[in-house]
Each structure stands twice: as C-alpha cells, then as structure tokens.
Amino acid sequence: MAASTPMKPAVMTAAPTQANAAQRYEVRRADLPLSCPLPSMALWNSHPRVYLPIEAENGESDCPYCGAHFVLVD
C-alpha cells in the first residue's frame, strides 16, 4: 500500500468577501447600480440579488432581505 500524501487546500487568488457580514455599507456612484449582495460578495450563502434604488431614496437604502443599510458617500 502506497503512503498517502496530504492534500493541499486550494488557494483562491481573489476570494469574495463574506456576504451580508456588515449592517452598514458605504458605496460610491462608481458602484452604481447598487445591488445586495454587492458584486464582490459570495452569492452561494446569501439571499437572491436585489437592486436598490439608492439615488431615488436620498442616498440611503435598506436591503429588504437582510436589512443591510447602504449609504451613498459621494
């Protein structure tokens, strides 16, 4: 029987951020259109993507799924 070699974990170069980890997010106009979860977040452990009308809501918007609060800072 051959000796087994331990498996090395896969290394991801650009890991997505954890979805819905914070309750308040600051976003910029360059990030529009705004969606929750943000494009940089992993979707597999989150809710369906929803687009938020932050400009129509005076620069602040809440996600109806997770309650995350988004603030437009510029």
Protein backbone atom coordinates (compact mmCIF):
# COMPACT_ATOMS: atom_id res chain seq x y z
CA MET A 1 0.00 0.00 0.00
CA ALA A 2 1.44 3.36 -1.02
CA ALA A 3 1.84 6.12 1.52
CA SER A 4 -0.74 8.82 1.05
CA THR A 5 0.33 12.40 0.74
CA PRO A 6 -1.74 15.05 2.47
CA MET A 7 -3.88 17.13 0.15
CA LYS A 8 -3.09 20.82 -0.06
CA PRO A 9 -6.04 23.18 0.17
CA ALA A 10 -6.97 25.08 -2.96
CA VAL A 11 -5.78 28.66 -2.98
CA MET A 12 -8.06 31.32 -4.43
CA THR A 13 -6.36 34.47 -5.61
CA ALA A 14 -9.28 36.86 -5.25
CA ALA A 15 -11.63 35.48 -2.63
CA PRO A 16 -15.03 37.16 -2.48
CA THR A 17 -15.95 38.97 0.70
CA GLN A 18 -18.46 37.37 3.01
CA ALA A 19 -21.97 38.35 2.03
CA ASN A 20 -24.02 40.39 4.46
CA ALA A 21 -21.24 40.48 7.08
CA ALA A 22 -21.86 44.12 7.98
CA GLN A 23 -25.02 46.07 8.64
CA ARG A 24 -23.80 49.34 7.06
CA TYR A 25 -22.00 49.76 3.76
CA GLU A 26 -20.68 52.95 2.18
CA VAL A 27 -20.95 52.99 -1.62
CA ARG A 28 -19.89 55.46 -4.31
CA ARG A 29 -21.52 56.50 -7.57
CA ALA A 30 -18.96 54.34 -9.37
CA ASP A 31 -20.57 51.31 -7.63
CA LEU A 32 -23.99 52.00 -9.17
CA PRO A 33 -26.28 50.33 -9.99
CA LEU A 34 -26.35 49.15 -6.38
CA SER A 35 -27.23 45.56 -5.59
CA CYS A 36 -27.28 43.49 -2.44
CA PRO A 37 -25.29 41.37 -2.11
CA LEU A 38 -22.58 43.51 -3.69
CA PRO A 39 -20.81 42.02 -6.74
CA SER A 40 -17.69 41.42 -4.62
CA MET A 41 -19.64 39.18 -2.23
CA ALA A 42 -20.14 35.43 -2.48
CA LEU A 43 -23.68 34.56 -3.52
CA TRP A 44 -23.75 30.91 -2.50
CA ASN A 45 -24.53 31.67 1.15
CA SER A 46 -26.70 34.74 0.73
CA HIS A 47 -30.12 35.83 -0.46
CA PRO A 48 -31.09 36.47 -4.11
CA ARG A 49 -29.54 39.59 -5.63
CA VAL A 50 -31.82 42.62 -5.43
CA TYR A 51 -31.14 46.05 -6.95
CA LEU A 52 -31.66 49.02 -4.65
CA PRO A 53 -32.77 52.50 -5.82
CA ILE A 54 -30.34 54.41 -3.59
CA GLU A 55 -30.37 57.58 -5.72
CA ALA A 56 -34.16 57.79 -5.58
CA GLU A 57 -34.07 57.31 -1.79
CA ASN A 58 -31.94 60.38 -0.98
CA GLY A 59 -28.66 58.48 -0.87
CA GLU A 60 -29.65 55.79 1.63
CA SER A 61 -31.29 52.42 1.06
CA ASP A 62 -32.02 49.24 3.02
CA CYS A 63 -32.00 45.71 1.65
CA PRO A 64 -35.44 44.10 2.06
CA TYR A 65 -33.85 40.66 2.58
CA CYS A 66 -31.05 41.17 5.09
CA GLY A 67 -31.61 44.71 6.35
CA ALA A 68 -28.15 45.94 5.29
CA HIS A 69 -28.07 49.74 5.20
CA PHE A 70 -26.30 51.35 2.22
CA VAL A 71 -25.16 54.98 2.23
CA LEU A 72 -24.09 56.88 -0.90
CA VAL A 73 -20.99 58.87 0.13
CA ASP A 74 -20.31 60.94 -3.00
